[in-house]
Amino acid sequence: MKKRKVFLLIVLLFLVVLVGTVHAKVSDTTGQCITDAKDEHKVCKDVCLEYFQADKDVCRNVDHLCAGECRTGYETCTIIPMDIMDKCKALCHSALDDAKQQCIVAFPEGSADRDSCIDQAQVVAFMCRDECRDGIQGSMKECRTALRNCLKACKVPASE
């Protein structure tokens, strides 16, 4: 638990320095100000995620560094299936755009037939995206199983 307090103190000091640096860099232009705010938000989210994961690992009696390696392995494992799904969904979106364009050409603006045609195209696109998600479920399940097995191997022995 003492290591955790030291870790939290180091992160807190880092944030104090970072916040001071970010505030010093803020320029008069709105665009730069927004960019700085986004950067600060990302760092804040990353630190909060790290705290959350560290706390969760303590609750599960899992070594945090080992668990971090497991999570990295999971992220690596999911790259290919997620890429496949993204490409599949892009095809669905392209098909939807084409179908909508056909509806626009075939039916007059404001007509119930055009609305019905576009609605049907959206239903088909939804089913297409759903099939994309279903198509990677086996791979994603393998990644989740590997993550669980890896985390089990990270258990910290109970102290006596």
Protein backbone atom coordinates (compact mmCIF):
# COMPACT_ATOMS: atom_id res chain seq x y z
CA MET A 1 0.00 0.00 0.00
CA LYS A 2 2.99 2.29 0.69
CA LYS A 3 4.15 1.88 -2.93
CA ARG A 4 0.72 2.97 -4.08
CA LYS A 5 0.89 6.14 -1.97
CA VAL A 6 4.33 6.97 -3.36
CA PHE A 7 3.05 6.32 -6.89
CA LEU A 8 0.04 8.59 -6.32
CA LEU A 9 2.27 11.32 -4.89
CA ILE A 10 4.58 11.17 -7.93
CA VAL A 11 1.61 11.34 -10.31
CA LEU A 12 0.14 14.26 -8.35
CA LEU A 13 3.43 16.17 -8.53
CA PHE A 14 3.60 15.45 -12.24
CA LEU A 15 0.09 16.84 -12.69
CA VAL A 16 0.91 20.00 -10.72
CA VAL A 17 3.94 20.64 -12.93
CA LEU A 18 1.96 19.77 -16.07
CA VAL A 19 -0.98 22.02 -15.19
CA GLY A 20 1.39 24.89 -14.45
CA THR A 21 3.14 24.32 -17.76
CA VAL A 22 -0.11 24.08 -19.70
CA HIS A 23 -1.43 27.30 -18.14
CA ALA A 24 1.84 29.07 -18.94
CA LYS A 25 1.61 27.99 -22.59
CA VAL A 26 -1.96 29.15 -23.19
CA SER A 27 -1.85 31.74 -25.91
CA ASP A 28 -4.29 34.50 -26.75
CA THR A 29 -5.70 32.62 -29.72
CA THR A 30 -8.84 30.62 -29.18
CA GLY A 31 -7.64 27.69 -31.29
CA GLN A 32 -4.47 27.24 -29.26
CA CYS A 33 -6.44 27.56 -26.04
CA ILE A 34 -8.83 24.82 -27.13
CA THR A 35 -5.93 22.61 -28.22
CA ASP A 36 -4.28 23.08 -24.83
CA ALA A 37 -7.52 22.25 -23.04
CA LYS A 38 -7.93 19.08 -25.10
CA ASP A 39 -4.36 18.04 -24.33
CA GLU A 40 -4.87 18.65 -20.61
CA HIS A 41 -8.13 16.69 -20.72
CA LYS A 42 -6.40 13.73 -22.38
CA VAL A 43 -3.64 13.70 -19.76
CA CYS A 44 -6.25 13.92 -17.01
CA LYS A 45 -8.21 11.00 -18.48
CA ASP A 46 -5.04 8.94 -18.86
CA VAL A 47 -4.04 9.55 -15.24
CA CYS A 48 -7.55 8.77 -13.99
CA LEU A 49 -7.58 5.56 -16.02
CA GLU A 50 -4.22 4.61 -14.51
CA TYR A 51 -5.59 5.24 -10.99
CA PHE A 52 -8.71 3.24 -11.78
CA GLN A 53 -6.72 0.31 -13.13
CA ALA A 54 -4.28 0.40 -10.21
CA ASP A 55 -7.14 0.43 -7.70
CA LYS A 56 -8.93 -2.37 -9.52
CA ASP A 57 -5.74 -4.44 -9.55
CA VAL A 58 -5.34 -3.95 -5.79
CA CYS A 59 -8.94 -5.04 -5.22
CA ARG A 60 -8.36 -8.15 -7.32
CA ASN A 61 -5.03 -8.84 -5.60
CA VAL A 62 -3.22 -8.60 -8.94
CA ASP A 63 0.26 -7.18 -9.59
CA HIS A 64 -0.34 -3.86 -11.38
CA LEU A 65 2.67 -4.04 -13.71
CA CYS A 66 1.85 -7.59 -14.73
CA ALA A 67 -1.80 -6.62 -15.30
CA GLY A 68 -0.64 -3.69 -17.43
CA GLU A 69 1.25 -6.12 -19.65
CA CYS A 70 -1.90 -8.24 -19.90
CA ARG A 71 -3.95 -5.21 -20.93
CA THR A 72 -1.34 -4.28 -23.54
CA GLY A 73 -1.52 -7.84 -24.87
CA TYR A 74 -5.31 -7.55 -25.07
CA GLU A 75 -5.10 -4.28 -26.98
CA THR A 76 -2.63 -5.87 -29.41
CA CYS A 77 -4.86 -8.94 -29.77
CA THR A 78 -7.88 -6.80 -30.70
CA ILE A 79 -6.14 -4.68 -33.36
CA ILE A 80 -6.79 -7.05 -36.28
CA PRO A 81 -10.42 -7.91 -35.43
CA MET A 82 -11.25 -4.25 -34.82
CA ASP A 83 -9.59 -3.29 -38.10
CA ILE A 84 -11.65 -5.95 -39.89
CA MET A 85 -14.81 -4.61 -38.26
CA ASP A 86 -13.96 -1.00 -39.15
CA LYS A 87 -13.40 -1.94 -42.81
CA CYS A 88 -16.62 -3.96 -42.87
CA LYS A 89 -18.58 -1.06 -41.35
CA ALA A 90 -17.06 1.33 -43.89
CA LEU A 91 -18.48 -0.87 -46.66
CA CYS A 92 -21.87 -0.75 -44.93
CA HIS A 93 -21.69 3.03 -44.76
CA SER A 94 -20.72 3.26 -48.42
CA ALA A 95 -23.61 0.98 -49.39
CA LEU A 96 -25.97 3.15 -47.32
CA ASP A 97 -24.77 6.29 -49.09
CA ASP A 98 -25.33 4.61 -52.47
CA ALA A 99 -28.80 3.39 -51.48
CA LYS A 100 -29.78 6.84 -50.20
CA GLN A 101 -28.63 8.38 -53.46
CA GLN A 102 -30.75 5.89 -55.40
CA CYS A 103 -33.74 6.84 -53.24
CA ILE A 104 -33.12 10.53 -53.91
CA VAL A 105 -33.00 9.90 -57.67
CA ALA A 106 -36.01 7.57 -57.72
CA PHE A 107 -38.47 9.54 -55.56
CA PRO A 108 -39.41 13.22 -55.28
CA GLU A 109 -38.23 15.28 -52.30
CA GLY A 110 -40.57 15.14 -49.31
CA SER A 111 -42.45 12.11 -50.57
CA ALA A 112 -43.41 9.22 -48.34
CA ASP A 113 -41.86 6.85 -50.88
CA ARG A 114 -38.46 8.54 -50.53
CA ASP A 115 -38.71 8.44 -46.73
CA SER A 116 -39.67 4.78 -46.83
CA CYS A 117 -36.83 3.99 -49.24
CA ILE A 118 -34.26 5.73 -47.03
CA ASP A 119 -35.67 4.08 -43.91
CA GLN A 120 -35.28 0.67 -45.54
CA ALA A 121 -31.71 1.53 -46.58
CA GLN A 122 -30.93 2.47 -42.97
CA VAL A 123 -32.36 -0.83 -41.72
CA VAL A 124 -30.19 -2.73 -44.19
CA ALA A 125 -27.14 -0.71 -43.08
CA PHE A 126 -27.90 -1.46 -39.43
CA MET A 127 -28.11 -5.18 -40.15
CA CYS A 128 -24.86 -4.93 -42.12
CA ARG A 129 -23.06 -3.27 -39.19
CA ASP A 130 -24.54 -5.86 -36.84
CA GLU A 131 -23.11 -8.63 -39.04
CA CYS A 132 -19.73 -6.89 -38.91
CA ARG A 133 -19.80 -6.99 -35.11
CA ASP A 134 -20.97 -10.61 -35.12
CA GLY A 135 -18.17 -11.49 -37.53
CA ILE A 136 -15.43 -10.64 -35.04
CA GLN A 137 -17.03 -12.07 -31.90
CA GLY A 138 -14.99 -15.28 -32.01
CA SER A 139 -11.70 -13.40 -32.24
CA MET A 140 -12.73 -10.95 -29.53
CA LYS A 141 -13.75 -13.81 -27.25
CA GLU A 142 -10.30 -15.36 -27.71
CA CYS A 143 -8.70 -12.04 -26.76
CA ARG A 144 -10.88 -11.72 -23.64
CA THR A 145 -10.07 -15.31 -22.63
CA ALA A 146 -6.34 -14.64 -23.06
CA LEU A 147 -6.68 -11.47 -20.94
CA ARG A 148 -8.47 -13.35 -18.15
CA ASN A 149 -5.86 -16.13 -18.17
CA CYS A 150 -3.03 -13.61 -18.13
CA LEU A 151 -4.58 -11.73 -15.20
CA LYS A 152 -4.98 -14.99 -13.27
CA ALA A 153 -1.24 -15.51 -13.65
CA CYS A 154 -0.64 -12.04 -12.15
CA LYS A 155 -2.18 -12.87 -8.78
CA VAL A 156 -0.12 -11.61 -5.85
CA PRO A 157 0.51 -14.30 -3.24
CA ALA A 158 -1.45 -13.68 -0.04
CA SER A 159 0.77 -12.19 2.63
CA GLU A 160 1.02 -14.10 5.87
